[in-house]
Amino acid sequence: MGIERTEFSSGLRVVTERMPGVRSVSLGFWVLAGSRDEPPVISGSSHFLEHLLFKGTKTRSAREIAEDFDAVGGDVNAFTSKEYTCYYARILDGDLEMAVDHLSDMFQDSVLRSADLDAERQVILEEINMHEDSPEEVVHDLFTEALWPNHPLGRPVLGTAETIRAATRDKVHRFYRKHYVPAGLVVAAAGNLRHEALLDMLRSRMDTGRMVRSGEPQGWNLRASETAPESSAKPLVKRRKTEQAHICLGTNGLARSDPDRFPFLIVNGALGTGMSSRLFQEIREKRGLVYSVYSYHSQYTEAGLFSCYAGTTPARAQEVIGLLRRELDDVAEGGLTAEEFDRAKGHVKGSMVLSLEDPGSRMSRIGKSEIAHGEILTVNQSLKRVEDVSLEDARRVAKRVLSQPMTLTVLGPFAQRDLAGVMA
């Protein structure tokens, strides 16, 4: 309810959700370009480009872009992922046209000056350094690289210090011109706005073409699905002087279009989401071995990634790894109880609704759905798919995912031989 969608012959898609009870609008420009689209030699270009689009256009300087949003109390920012990049703004409803004007200008007419690239290069190198100083974050990149060592999804979004130092204006500009086209763009907005008014704003500022009617050939395509990468199932221990051992244990998950993604959402909830989850109760509450322990499931076009994380005193690392393996094995073999299932299902449904209380989360939901799936499920449709999952469905998909060979990654003050007893 309240969601409207329009597509144009240029391939541009526009999705909105009207929320008349608020006085703000969240606007997002979602670009179908991420780190997986980069050849290894230009790794990090998507994220580099994200920074550069704020450095000025043919008609605006970087300072003017910042001042215009500050002058109305608005926020403007961006993020890059493995499969898309999003530029977003949150403004008062009366300032929507200003935000559309600025983001359209940045999308189409950023100048990408060599001097700006050189200045921003150091900023990104500092961002990489900051990331490297957070071992609880680094271990997830190491795990993904260990899981999929020869696949674009295994590479870090930020790139490496080497590829960022080697980046040139020509390489980044070619990437910009190839991917920043109407056919690769979804404009999403949620809040106090009218769909037709947003269309008019875009028509006057972008190459939209004519409106496409139902049944006509579309000017855009979803990301092509390729062969899913195989899990390496090879352990990795990275030596670093840290106070904790940072542990990731996991395997291939499910692609975002897999019909089993809703049952596995419940399985993941029972395993490692919330304070009543198995991992939290068994490893933190009963034994006090960790402060942080959880599981997560990331989904991509042709593949998914499931992982458990725990941080513990290095002397207890083997014990924690053994407990992670034990719980995963038990759930894989049908150990998920009816009580755990019901509690996890309720948690998933409640979290789904509570996460949509503001325009920003609504905009993210519809924008991500459109650019990734080419369709948008209503909240009620998503809730029904969760409600329709049975305990047997959950046990079946738990076995499907969790019985696969596991990849273990550990970051901490020891060598691989120190963990020989739990590496198999």
Protein backbone atom coordinates (compact mmCIF):
# COMPACT_ATOMS: atom_id res chain seq x y z
CA MET A 1 0.00 0.00 0.00
CA GLY A 2 1.28 3.46 -0.92
CA ILE A 3 4.02 2.08 -3.22
CA GLU A 4 4.08 3.34 -6.83
CA ARG A 5 6.46 2.38 -9.62
CA THR A 6 7.28 3.85 -13.04
CA GLU A 7 9.81 2.87 -15.66
CA PHE A 8 11.00 4.90 -18.63
CA SER A 9 12.27 3.90 -22.06
CA SER A 10 15.80 4.97 -21.05
CA GLY A 11 15.74 2.20 -18.42
CA LEU A 12 15.38 4.54 -15.45
CA ARG A 13 13.04 3.16 -12.77
CA VAL A 14 11.34 5.23 -10.09
CA VAL A 15 9.73 3.76 -6.97
CA THR A 16 8.09 5.70 -4.15
CA GLU A 17 6.24 5.03 -0.93
CA ARG A 18 4.01 7.80 0.38
CA MET A 19 4.02 8.38 4.15
CA PRO A 20 1.71 11.37 4.69
CA GLY A 21 2.17 11.35 8.47
CA VAL A 22 5.78 12.61 8.28
CA ARG A 23 7.32 15.91 7.19
CA SER A 24 10.48 14.50 5.60
CA VAL A 25 11.54 12.56 2.51
CA SER A 26 14.37 10.07 2.07
CA LEU A 27 15.67 9.96 -1.49
CA GLY A 28 18.08 7.40 -2.92
CA PHE A 29 19.84 7.00 -6.25
CA TRP A 30 20.68 3.28 -6.50
CA VAL A 31 23.30 2.40 -9.12
CA LEU A 32 23.80 -1.16 -10.35
CA ALA A 33 27.57 -1.06 -9.89
CA GLY A 34 29.62 -2.43 -7.02
CA SER A 35 32.94 -4.00 -6.18
CA ARG A 36 32.11 -7.25 -8.00
CA ASP A 37 32.01 -5.29 -11.29
CA GLU A 38 35.68 -4.30 -11.04
CA PRO A 39 38.57 -6.21 -12.61
CA PRO A 40 41.16 -7.01 -9.91
CA VAL A 41 43.55 -4.31 -11.14
CA ILE A 42 40.98 -1.57 -10.43
CA SER A 43 39.62 -3.06 -7.21
CA GLY A 44 38.05 -0.30 -5.11
CA SER A 45 36.96 1.85 -8.08
CA SER A 46 33.26 1.78 -7.16
CA HIS A 47 34.03 3.08 -3.69
CA PHE A 48 36.56 5.60 -5.05
CA LEU A 49 33.90 6.88 -7.45
CA GLU A 50 31.41 7.19 -4.59
CA HIS A 51 33.79 9.64 -2.92
CA LEU A 52 34.51 11.56 -6.11
CA LEU A 53 30.87 12.29 -6.94
CA PHE A 54 30.78 14.62 -3.93
CA LYS A 55 33.78 16.61 -5.22
CA GLY A 56 31.88 18.73 -7.71
CA THR A 57 30.00 18.82 -11.01
CA LYS A 58 30.11 21.08 -14.08
CA THR A 59 27.95 23.63 -12.25
CA ARG A 60 28.61 23.05 -8.52
CA SER A 61 31.67 22.80 -6.32
CA ALA A 62 32.01 20.27 -3.50
CA ARG A 63 31.58 23.10 -1.01
CA GLU A 64 28.36 24.27 -2.65
CA ILE A 65 26.89 20.75 -2.53
CA ALA A 66 27.67 20.51 1.19
CA GLU A 67 26.45 24.02 1.97
CA ASP A 68 23.14 23.58 0.14
CA PHE A 69 22.22 20.52 2.22
CA ASP A 70 23.49 22.05 5.46
CA ALA A 71 21.43 25.18 4.81
CA VAL A 72 18.19 23.17 5.00
CA GLY A 73 19.26 20.83 7.81
CA GLY A 74 19.44 17.89 5.40
CA ASP A 75 21.81 14.93 5.23
CA VAL A 76 23.50 13.62 2.09
CA ASN A 77 25.79 10.60 1.96
CA ALA A 78 26.51 7.37 0.09
CA PHE A 79 27.66 3.79 0.51
CA THR A 80 29.13 1.13 -1.75
CA SER A 81 28.43 -2.60 -1.57
CA LYS A 82 29.49 -5.59 -3.62
CA GLU A 83 26.59 -5.26 -6.09
CA TYR A 84 25.37 -1.66 -5.99
CA THR A 85 26.14 1.88 -4.86
CA CYS A 86 23.60 4.19 -3.22
CA TYR A 87 23.64 7.99 -2.95
CA TYR A 88 21.00 9.18 -0.53
CA ALA A 89 19.62 12.29 1.10
CA ARG A 90 17.17 13.01 3.91
CA ILE A 91 15.45 16.36 3.70
CA LEU A 92 12.25 18.16 4.64
CA ASP A 93 9.45 17.47 2.19
CA GLY A 94 9.65 21.04 0.85
CA ASP A 95 13.32 20.55 -0.08
CA LEU A 96 12.87 17.43 -2.22
CA GLU A 97 13.35 19.31 -5.49
CA MET A 98 16.70 20.65 -4.28
CA ALA A 99 17.85 17.13 -3.40
CA VAL A 100 16.70 15.71 -6.76
CA ASP A 101 18.53 18.53 -8.54
CA HIS A 102 21.79 17.86 -6.71
CA LEU A 103 21.78 14.04 -6.93
CA SER A 104 20.80 14.15 -10.62
CA ASP A 105 23.67 16.56 -11.27
CA MET A 106 26.13 14.35 -9.39
CA PHE A 107 24.95 11.22 -11.21
CA GLN A 108 25.20 12.74 -14.69
CA ASP A 109 27.73 15.54 -14.64
CA SER A 110 30.44 14.94 -12.03
CA VAL A 111 33.75 16.18 -13.41
CA LEU A 112 36.12 13.76 -11.63
CA ARG A 113 39.12 16.09 -11.70
CA SER A 114 42.57 14.55 -11.44
CA ALA A 115 43.40 16.90 -8.58
CA ASP A 116 40.33 15.74 -6.65
CA LEU A 117 41.24 12.12 -7.28
CA ASP A 118 44.74 12.67 -5.87
CA ALA A 119 43.36 14.44 -2.81
CA GLU A 120 40.68 11.81 -2.16
CA ARG A 121 43.16 8.99 -2.68
CA GLN A 122 44.74 9.79 0.68
CA VAL A 123 41.31 9.98 2.34
CA ILE A 124 40.51 6.46 1.12
CA LEU A 125 43.91 5.16 2.20
CA GLU A 126 43.15 6.52 5.67
CA GLU A 127 39.75 4.80 5.52
CA ILE A 128 41.52 1.52 4.72
CA ASN A 129 43.92 2.12 7.61
CA MET A 130 41.00 2.80 9.95
CA HIS A 131 39.35 -0.42 8.81
CA GLU A 132 42.58 -2.35 9.36
CA ASP A 133 42.70 -1.04 12.93
CA SER A 134 39.37 -2.80 13.64
CA PRO A 135 40.12 -6.54 13.72
CA GLU A 136 36.47 -7.36 14.48
CA GLU A 137 35.69 -5.89 11.02
CA VAL A 138 38.76 -7.14 9.16
CA VAL A 139 38.03 -10.76 10.02
CA HIS A 140 34.83 -10.66 7.93
CA ASP A 141 36.78 -9.53 4.84
CA LEU A 142 39.34 -12.26 5.50
CA PHE A 143 36.57 -14.82 5.83
CA THR A 144 34.95 -13.80 2.54
CA GLU A 145 38.31 -13.94 0.76
CA ALA A 146 39.00 -17.37 2.28
CA LEU A 147 35.53 -18.65 1.34
CA TRP A 148 35.65 -17.39 -2.28
CA PRO A 149 39.35 -16.83 -3.06
CA ASN A 150 38.98 -16.62 -6.86
CA HIS A 151 35.66 -14.83 -7.21
CA PRO A 152 34.82 -11.10 -7.45
CA LEU A 153 32.48 -11.44 -4.46
CA GLY A 154 35.47 -12.42 -2.36
CA ARG A 155 37.26 -9.10 -2.83
CA PRO A 156 36.94 -6.23 -0.33
CA VAL A 157 34.71 -3.29 -1.28
CA LEU A 158 37.39 -0.75 -0.31
CA GLY A 159 40.00 -2.30 -2.57
CA THR A 160 43.57 -2.51 -1.33
CA ALA A 161 46.19 0.13 -0.62
CA GLU A 162 48.02 -1.01 -3.76
CA THR A 163 45.03 -0.68 -6.12
CA ILE A 164 44.01 2.68 -4.65
CA ARG A 165 47.54 4.06 -5.08
CA ALA A 166 47.51 2.82 -8.69
CA ALA A 167 44.07 4.27 -9.54
CA THR A 168 44.04 6.85 -12.33
CA ARG A 169 41.47 9.39 -13.42
CA ASP A 170 41.01 7.62 -16.79
CA LYS A 171 40.29 4.24 -15.20
CA VAL A 172 37.76 5.64 -12.74
CA HIS A 173 36.15 7.81 -15.43
CA ARG A 174 35.70 4.82 -17.74
CA PHE A 175 34.00 2.92 -14.93
CA TYR A 176 31.73 5.95 -14.32
CA ARG A 177 30.70 6.27 -17.96
CA LYS A 178 30.07 2.54 -18.32
CA HIS A 179 27.89 2.03 -15.25
CA TYR A 180 26.31 5.40 -14.43
CA VAL A 181 23.59 5.26 -17.08
CA PRO A 182 19.77 5.46 -16.75
CA ALA A 183 19.40 1.72 -17.43
CA GLY A 184 21.47 1.03 -14.31
CA LEU A 185 19.66 3.47 -12.02
CA VAL A 186 16.75 3.17 -9.62
CA VAL A 187 15.47 6.35 -7.94
CA ALA A 188 13.67 5.49 -4.70
CA ALA A 189 11.93 7.84 -2.30
CA ALA A 190 9.80 7.46 0.80
CA GLY A 191 8.07 10.05 2.95
CA ASN A 192 5.69 12.91 2.40
CA LEU A 193 5.80 13.16 -1.41
CA ARG A 194 3.70 12.57 -4.50
CA HIS A 195 4.94 10.09 -7.10
CA GLU A 196 3.94 12.26 -10.07
CA ALA A 197 5.71 15.29 -8.63
CA LEU A 198 8.96 13.31 -8.36
CA LEU A 199 8.57 12.12 -11.96
CA ASP A 200 8.22 15.72 -13.13
CA MET A 201 11.37 16.72 -11.25
CA LEU A 202 13.32 13.89 -12.86
CA ARG A 203 11.96 14.56 -16.36
CA SER A 204 13.31 18.10 -16.26
CA ARG A 205 16.77 17.02 -15.07
CA MET A 206 17.56 13.60 -16.54
CA ASP A 207 17.40 11.56 -19.72
CA THR A 208 14.26 9.68 -18.81
CA GLY A 209 12.71 9.07 -22.21
CA ARG A 210 9.02 8.33 -22.40
CA MET A 211 7.10 6.38 -19.81
CA VAL A 212 6.98 2.63 -20.57
CA ARG A 213 3.57 1.02 -20.45
CA SER A 214 2.85 -2.46 -19.15
CA GLY A 215 3.90 -5.17 -21.56
CA GLU A 216 6.37 -3.05 -23.54
CA PRO A 217 10.04 -4.09 -23.77
CA GLN A 218 11.98 -2.85 -20.76
CA GLY A 219 15.09 -0.74 -21.13
CA TRP A 220 16.86 -2.27 -18.13
CA ASN A 221 18.08 -5.67 -17.05
CA LEU A 222 18.70 -7.31 -13.72
CA ARG A 223 22.25 -8.34 -12.96
CA ALA A 224 22.98 -11.53 -14.89
CA SER A 225 23.18 -14.59 -12.65
CA GLU A 226 26.43 -16.50 -13.03
CA THR A 227 27.62 -19.81 -11.66
CA ALA A 228 27.74 -19.67 -7.88
CA PRO A 229 31.27 -19.75 -6.44
CA GLU A 230 32.25 -22.91 -4.63
CA SER A 231 33.23 -22.73 -1.00
CA SER A 232 36.95 -23.30 -0.53
CA ALA A 233 36.43 -24.94 2.89
CA LYS A 234 40.07 -24.04 3.61
CA PRO A 235 41.02 -22.66 7.03
CA LEU A 236 42.87 -19.38 7.36
CA VAL A 237 44.70 -18.12 10.44
CA LYS A 238 46.02 -14.56 10.22
CA ARG A 239 48.57 -13.63 12.86
CA ARG A 240 48.06 -10.25 14.49
CA LYS A 241 48.83 -8.92 17.94
CA THR A 242 45.31 -8.49 19.33
CA GLU A 243 43.71 -8.86 22.74
CA GLN A 244 41.06 -11.22 21.35
CA ALA A 245 40.88 -14.01 18.82
CA HIS A 246 38.33 -13.00 16.17
CA ILE A 247 36.63 -16.04 14.67
CA CYS A 248 34.41 -16.54 11.61
CA LEU A 249 33.02 -19.98 10.77
CA GLY A 250 30.64 -20.44 7.86
CA THR A 251 29.88 -21.59 4.35
CA ASN A 252 27.88 -20.83 1.22
CA GLY A 253 24.41 -19.48 1.91
CA LEU A 254 21.49 -18.86 -0.43
CA ALA A 255 21.11 -16.50 -3.38
CA ARG A 256 18.68 -13.62 -2.97
CA SER A 257 16.18 -15.25 -5.35
CA ASP A 258 16.26 -18.67 -3.65
CA PRO A 259 12.77 -19.62 -2.39
CA ASP A 260 14.40 -21.13 0.72
CA ARG A 261 15.63 -17.70 1.84
CA PHE A 262 12.59 -17.19 4.09
CA PRO A 263 12.98 -20.51 5.95
CA PHE A 264 16.69 -19.83 6.36
CA LEU A 265 15.91 -16.37 7.74
CA ILE A 266 14.25 -18.16 10.65
CA VAL A 267 17.10 -20.67 11.00
CA ASN A 268 19.64 -17.86 11.17
CA GLY A 269 17.46 -16.08 13.73
CA ALA A 270 17.34 -19.13 15.96
CA LEU A 271 21.07 -19.68 15.66
CA GLY A 272 22.57 -16.27 16.17
CA THR A 273 20.20 -13.30 16.21
CA GLY A 274 19.21 -11.87 19.56
CA MET A 275 19.93 -12.70 23.18
CA SER A 276 17.80 -15.87 23.18
CA SER A 277 19.63 -17.37 20.19
CA ARG A 278 21.57 -20.60 20.57
CA LEU A 279 25.00 -19.10 20.11
CA PHE A 280 24.40 -16.29 22.60
CA GLN A 281 22.91 -18.60 25.21
CA GLU A 282 25.41 -21.44 24.88
CA ILE A 283 28.65 -19.48 24.46
CA ARG A 284 28.07 -16.21 26.31
CA GLU A 285 25.33 -16.77 28.89
CA LYS A 286 26.17 -20.31 30.04
CA ARG A 287 29.96 -20.18 29.75
CA GLY A 288 30.91 -16.50 29.67
CA LEU A 289 33.46 -17.13 26.93
CA VAL A 290 32.64 -14.11 24.73
CA TYR A 291 31.16 -10.66 24.79
CA SER A 292 30.03 -10.74 21.15
CA VAL A 293 28.71 -13.77 19.25
CA TYR A 294 26.21 -13.85 16.40
CA SER A 295 25.45 -15.23 12.94
CA TYR A 296 24.48 -13.53 9.70
CA HIS A 297 23.39 -14.34 6.16
CA SER A 298 24.39 -12.13 3.20
CA GLN A 299 22.68 -12.67 -0.15
CA TYR A 300 23.90 -11.88 -3.65
CA THR A 301 22.68 -12.56 -7.18
CA GLU A 302 23.87 -16.14 -7.56
CA ALA A 303 25.20 -16.95 -4.10
CA GLY A 304 24.92 -16.30 -0.41
CA LEU A 305 27.25 -16.27 2.56
CA PHE A 306 26.46 -17.64 6.00
CA SER A 307 28.83 -17.02 8.89
CA CYS A 308 29.06 -17.10 12.67
CA TYR A 309 31.30 -14.61 14.46
CA ALA A 310 32.79 -14.76 17.96
CA GLY A 311 35.48 -12.77 19.74
CA THR A 312 37.23 -14.43 22.68
CA THR A 313 40.43 -14.61 24.70
CA PRO A 314 43.05 -16.37 22.52
CA ALA A 315 43.47 -19.15 25.09
CA ARG A 316 39.77 -20.01 24.71
CA ALA A 317 39.68 -19.88 20.89
CA GLN A 318 39.73 -23.65 20.38
CA GLU A 319 36.93 -24.15 22.88
CA VAL A 320 34.76 -21.49 21.21
CA ILE A 321 35.39 -22.91 17.74
CA GLY A 322 34.38 -26.34 19.02
CA LEU A 323 31.14 -24.94 20.44
CA LEU A 324 30.32 -23.13 17.18
CA ARG A 325 30.83 -26.35 15.25
CA ARG A 326 28.72 -28.32 17.72
CA GLU A 327 25.75 -25.98 17.47
CA LEU A 328 25.89 -25.80 13.68
CA ASP A 329 26.11 -29.59 13.41
CA ASP A 330 23.17 -30.05 15.78
CA VAL A 331 20.91 -27.67 13.84
CA ALA A 332 22.02 -29.24 10.54
CA GLU A 333 20.94 -32.64 11.85
CA GLY A 334 17.43 -31.54 12.76
CA GLY A 335 18.09 -30.25 16.26
CA LEU A 336 16.06 -27.06 15.84
CA THR A 337 13.22 -27.32 18.36
CA ALA A 338 9.63 -26.18 17.92
CA GLU A 339 10.12 -23.63 20.71
CA GLU A 340 13.23 -22.16 19.04
CA PHE A 341 11.44 -22.09 15.71
CA ASP A 342 8.39 -20.25 17.03
CA ARG A 343 10.50 -17.72 18.91
CA ALA A 344 12.71 -17.05 15.88
CA LYS A 345 9.71 -16.69 13.58
CA GLY A 346 8.17 -14.12 15.92
CA HIS A 347 11.49 -12.28 16.13
CA VAL A 348 11.82 -12.14 12.34
CA LYS A 349 8.29 -10.81 11.86
CA GLY A 350 8.60 -8.24 14.62
CA SER A 351 12.00 -7.03 13.43
CA MET A 352 10.72 -6.77 9.87
CA VAL A 353 7.92 -4.42 10.87
CA LEU A 354 9.84 -2.41 13.49
CA SER A 355 12.66 -1.75 11.02
CA LEU A 356 10.26 0.18 8.78
CA GLU A 357 9.24 2.93 11.14
CA ASP A 358 11.02 5.78 9.33
CA PRO A 359 11.31 7.05 5.73
CA GLY A 360 15.00 6.10 5.48
CA SER A 361 14.40 2.41 6.10
CA ARG A 362 11.34 2.44 3.80
CA MET A 363 13.38 4.02 1.01
CA SER A 364 16.18 1.49 1.48
CA ARG A 365 13.72 -1.40 1.37
CA ILE A 366 12.04 -0.41 -1.88
CA GLY A 367 15.24 0.77 -3.56
CA LYS A 368 17.18 -2.38 -2.73
CA SER A 369 14.26 -4.61 -3.75
CA GLU A 370 13.85 -2.89 -7.10
CA ILE A 371 17.52 -2.86 -8.09
CA ALA A 372 18.17 -6.41 -6.86
CA HIS A 373 14.90 -8.18 -7.72
CA GLY A 374 13.09 -5.94 -10.19
CA GLU A 375 10.03 -6.21 -7.96
CA ILE A 376 8.91 -5.09 -4.52
CA LEU A 377 7.13 -7.32 -2.03
CA THR A 378 4.81 -5.45 0.28
CA VAL A 379 5.44 -5.82 3.99
CA ASN A 380 2.34 -8.00 4.24
CA GLN A 381 3.56 -10.25 1.42
CA SER A 382 6.93 -10.66 3.14
CA LEU A 383 5.25 -11.38 6.48
CA LYS A 384 3.05 -14.02 4.85
CA ARG A 385 6.08 -15.77 3.34
CA VAL A 386 7.64 -15.91 6.79
CA GLU A 387 4.38 -17.06 8.38
CA ASP A 388 4.00 -19.85 5.79
CA VAL A 389 7.34 -21.42 6.78
CA SER A 390 6.92 -24.67 8.71
CA LEU A 391 9.29 -26.29 11.18
CA GLU A 392 9.93 -28.99 8.57
CA ASP A 393 10.90 -26.30 6.02
CA ALA A 394 13.34 -24.77 8.50
CA ARG A 395 14.92 -28.12 9.35
CA ARG A 396 15.22 -29.01 5.67
CA VAL A 397 16.99 -25.77 4.70
CA ALA A 398 19.17 -25.94 7.82
CA LYS A 399 20.46 -29.30 6.62
CA ARG A 400 20.86 -27.96 3.07
CA VAL A 401 23.09 -25.07 4.16
CA LEU A 402 24.75 -26.15 7.38
CA SER A 403 25.77 -29.66 6.30
CA GLN A 404 28.15 -28.15 3.72
CA PRO A 405 31.90 -28.05 4.43
CA MET A 406 32.75 -25.11 6.68
CA THR A 407 35.41 -22.43 6.18
CA LEU A 408 37.17 -21.22 9.33
CA THR A 409 38.97 -17.90 9.60
CA VAL A 410 40.75 -16.71 12.74
CA LEU A 411 42.52 -13.39 13.32
CA GLY A 412 44.65 -13.25 16.43
CA PRO A 413 48.05 -13.68 18.13
CA PHE A 414 48.89 -17.18 16.96
CA ALA A 415 49.90 -19.24 13.94
CA GLN A 416 47.87 -21.87 12.12
CA ARG A 417 49.68 -24.71 13.93
CA ASP A 418 48.42 -23.32 17.24
CA LEU A 419 44.88 -24.23 16.20
CA ALA A 420 45.66 -27.53 14.50
CA GLY A 421 43.16 -29.39 16.69
CA VAL A 422 40.14 -27.49 15.35
CA MET A 423 41.17 -26.75 11.76
CA ALA A 424 39.64 -29.83 10.14
